[in-house]
Amino acid sequence: MRILAAKIAEYTGNYSRTHGYPPTVEELITAFGLPIVMCMMFYILSLYRVGMIRNSLFFGTGNLQLIPMKANWYENTRK
């Protein structure tokens, strides 16, 4: 179990550094396979709670918050 947890933590860290945001559970399933992800679900839920896993359809989108982005943000702040 510790080896799998270390591999998942390493994957999420590398993914976050490469992409600029954490992976979803679906991306973990693609990388590790469904049986491993189901076996490690308690650990993955812990990673989700601290923000190392993104919200996805696997966890539901009830608390998903979208941040509005504006292309002319800088111009609006100078007025």
C-alpha atoms as a PDB file:
ATOM      1  CA  MET A   1       0.000   0.000   0.000  1.00  0.00           C
ATOM      2  CA  ARG A   2       2.756   2.486   0.836  1.00  0.00           C
ATOM      3  CA  ILE A   3       4.413   1.959  -2.528  1.00  0.00           C
ATOM      4  CA  LEU A   4       1.133   2.608  -4.380  1.00  0.00           C
ATOM      5  CA  ALA A   5       0.451   5.693  -2.262  1.00  0.00           C
ATOM      6  CA  ALA A   6       3.930   7.027  -3.043  1.00  0.00           C
ATOM      7  CA  LYS A   7       3.452   6.377  -6.759  1.00  0.00           C
ATOM      8  CA  ILE A   8       0.073   8.154  -6.761  1.00  0.00           C
ATOM      9  CA  ALA A   9       1.495  11.111  -4.816  1.00  0.00           C
ATOM     10  CA  GLU A  10       4.467  11.324  -7.188  1.00  0.00           C
ATOM     11  CA  TYR A  11       2.148  11.181 -10.209  1.00  0.00           C
ATOM     12  CA  THR A  12      -0.124  13.938  -8.867  1.00  0.00           C
ATOM     13  CA  GLY A  13       2.865  16.141  -8.030  1.00  0.00           C
ATOM     14  CA  ASN A  14       4.460  15.662 -11.451  1.00  0.00           C
ATOM     15  CA  TYR A  15       1.119  16.168 -13.192  1.00  0.00           C
ATOM     16  CA  SER A  16       0.487  19.392 -11.260  1.00  0.00           C
ATOM     17  CA  ARG A  17       3.946  20.757 -12.086  1.00  0.00           C
ATOM     18  CA  THR A  18       3.599  19.844 -15.768  1.00  0.00           C
ATOM     19  CA  HIS A  19       0.017  21.020 -16.357  1.00  0.00           C
ATOM     20  CA  GLY A  20      -0.361  23.718 -13.720  1.00  0.00           C
ATOM     21  CA  TYR A  21      -3.387  22.027 -12.116  1.00  0.00           C
ATOM     22  CA  PRO A  22      -3.982  18.682 -10.360  1.00  0.00           C
ATOM     23  CA  PRO A  23      -5.292  15.570 -12.123  1.00  0.00           C
ATOM     24  CA  THR A  24      -8.826  14.199 -11.880  1.00  0.00           C
ATOM     25  CA  VAL A  25      -9.741  10.714 -10.699  1.00  0.00           C
ATOM     26  CA  GLU A  26     -10.441   9.778 -14.314  1.00  0.00           C
ATOM     27  CA  GLU A  27      -6.856  10.702 -15.194  1.00  0.00           C
ATOM     28  CA  LEU A  28      -5.613   8.574 -12.280  1.00  0.00           C
ATOM     29  CA  ILE A  29      -7.694   5.664 -13.609  1.00  0.00           C
ATOM     30  CA  THR A  30      -6.100   6.133 -17.037  1.00  0.00           C
ATOM     31  CA  ALA A  31      -2.625   6.164 -15.505  1.00  0.00           C
ATOM     32  CA  PHE A  32      -2.998   3.371 -12.896  1.00  0.00           C
ATOM     33  CA  GLY A  33      -6.069   1.342 -13.844  1.00  0.00           C
ATOM     34  CA  LEU A  34      -9.429   1.033 -12.137  1.00  0.00           C
ATOM     35  CA  PRO A  35      -8.547  -1.782  -9.671  1.00  0.00           C
ATOM     36  CA  ILE A  36      -5.624   0.161  -8.187  1.00  0.00           C
ATOM     37  CA  VAL A  37      -7.625   3.379  -7.925  1.00  0.00           C
ATOM     38  CA  MET A  38     -10.519   1.561  -6.220  1.00  0.00           C
ATOM     39  CA  CYS A  39      -8.085  -0.113  -3.814  1.00  0.00           C
ATOM     40  CA  MET A  40      -6.509   3.257  -2.972  1.00  0.00           C
ATOM     41  CA  MET A  41      -9.773   5.248  -2.873  1.00  0.00           C
ATOM     42  CA  PHE A  42      -9.428   6.245   0.799  1.00  0.00           C
ATOM     43  CA  TYR A  43      -6.003   7.722   0.073  1.00  0.00           C
ATOM     44  CA  ILE A  44      -7.268   9.413  -3.113  1.00  0.00           C
ATOM     45  CA  LEU A  45     -10.156  10.956  -1.162  1.00  0.00           C
ATOM     46  CA  SER A  46      -7.603  12.351   1.279  1.00  0.00           C
ATOM     47  CA  LEU A  47      -5.676  13.882  -1.628  1.00  0.00           C
ATOM     48  CA  TYR A  48      -8.928  15.347  -2.944  1.00  0.00           C
ATOM     49  CA  ARG A  49      -9.711  16.952   0.409  1.00  0.00           C
ATOM     50  CA  VAL A  50      -6.372  18.763   0.497  1.00  0.00           C
ATOM     51  CA  GLY A  51      -6.675  19.879  -3.137  1.00  0.00           C
ATOM     52  CA  MET A  52      -4.205  17.531  -4.817  1.00  0.00           C
ATOM     53  CA  ILE A  53      -6.974  15.987  -6.968  1.00  0.00           C
ATOM     54  CA  ARG A  54      -9.366  18.090  -9.046  1.00  0.00           C
ATOM     55  CA  ASN A  55     -13.128  17.858  -8.738  1.00  0.00           C
ATOM     56  CA  SER A  56     -14.565  15.667 -11.469  1.00  0.00           C
ATOM     57  CA  LEU A  57     -17.671  13.735 -12.357  1.00  0.00           C
ATOM     58  CA  PHE A  58     -16.355  10.905 -10.192  1.00  0.00           C
ATOM     59  CA  PHE A  59     -16.846  13.027  -7.044  1.00  0.00           C
ATOM     60  CA  GLY A  60     -19.757  15.037  -8.431  1.00  0.00           C
ATOM     61  CA  THR A  61     -19.822  18.708  -9.238  1.00  0.00           C
ATOM     62  CA  GLY A  62     -22.060  19.974  -6.447  1.00  0.00           C
ATOM     63  CA  ASN A  63     -19.397  22.241  -4.946  1.00  0.00           C
ATOM     64  CA  LEU A  64     -17.622  23.118  -8.183  1.00  0.00           C
ATOM     65  CA  GLN A  65     -16.940  26.845  -8.310  1.00  0.00           C
ATOM     66  CA  LEU A  66     -16.043  28.526 -11.558  1.00  0.00           C
ATOM     67  CA  ILE A  67     -14.006  31.714 -11.469  1.00  0.00           C
ATOM     68  CA  PRO A  68     -15.123  34.246 -14.083  1.00  0.00           C
ATOM     69  CA  MET A  69     -12.280  35.379 -16.306  1.00  0.00           C
ATOM     70  CA  LYS A  70     -12.215  38.567 -18.342  1.00  0.00           C
ATOM     71  CA  ALA A  71      -9.819  39.220 -21.181  1.00  0.00           C
ATOM     72  CA  ASN A  72      -9.688  42.920 -20.384  1.00  0.00           C
ATOM     73  CA  TRP A  73      -9.104  42.526 -16.644  1.00  0.00           C
ATOM     74  CA  TYR A  74      -6.118  44.892 -16.560  1.00  0.00           C
ATOM     75  CA  GLU A  75      -8.033  47.660 -18.327  1.00  0.00           C
ATOM     76  CA  ASN A  76     -10.952  47.339 -15.872  1.00  0.00           C
ATOM     77  CA  THR A  77      -8.662  47.695 -12.855  1.00  0.00           C
ATOM     78  CA  ARG A  78      -7.150  50.958 -14.111  1.00  0.00           C
ATOM     79  CA  LYS A  79     -10.487  52.798 -14.324  1.00  0.00           C
END
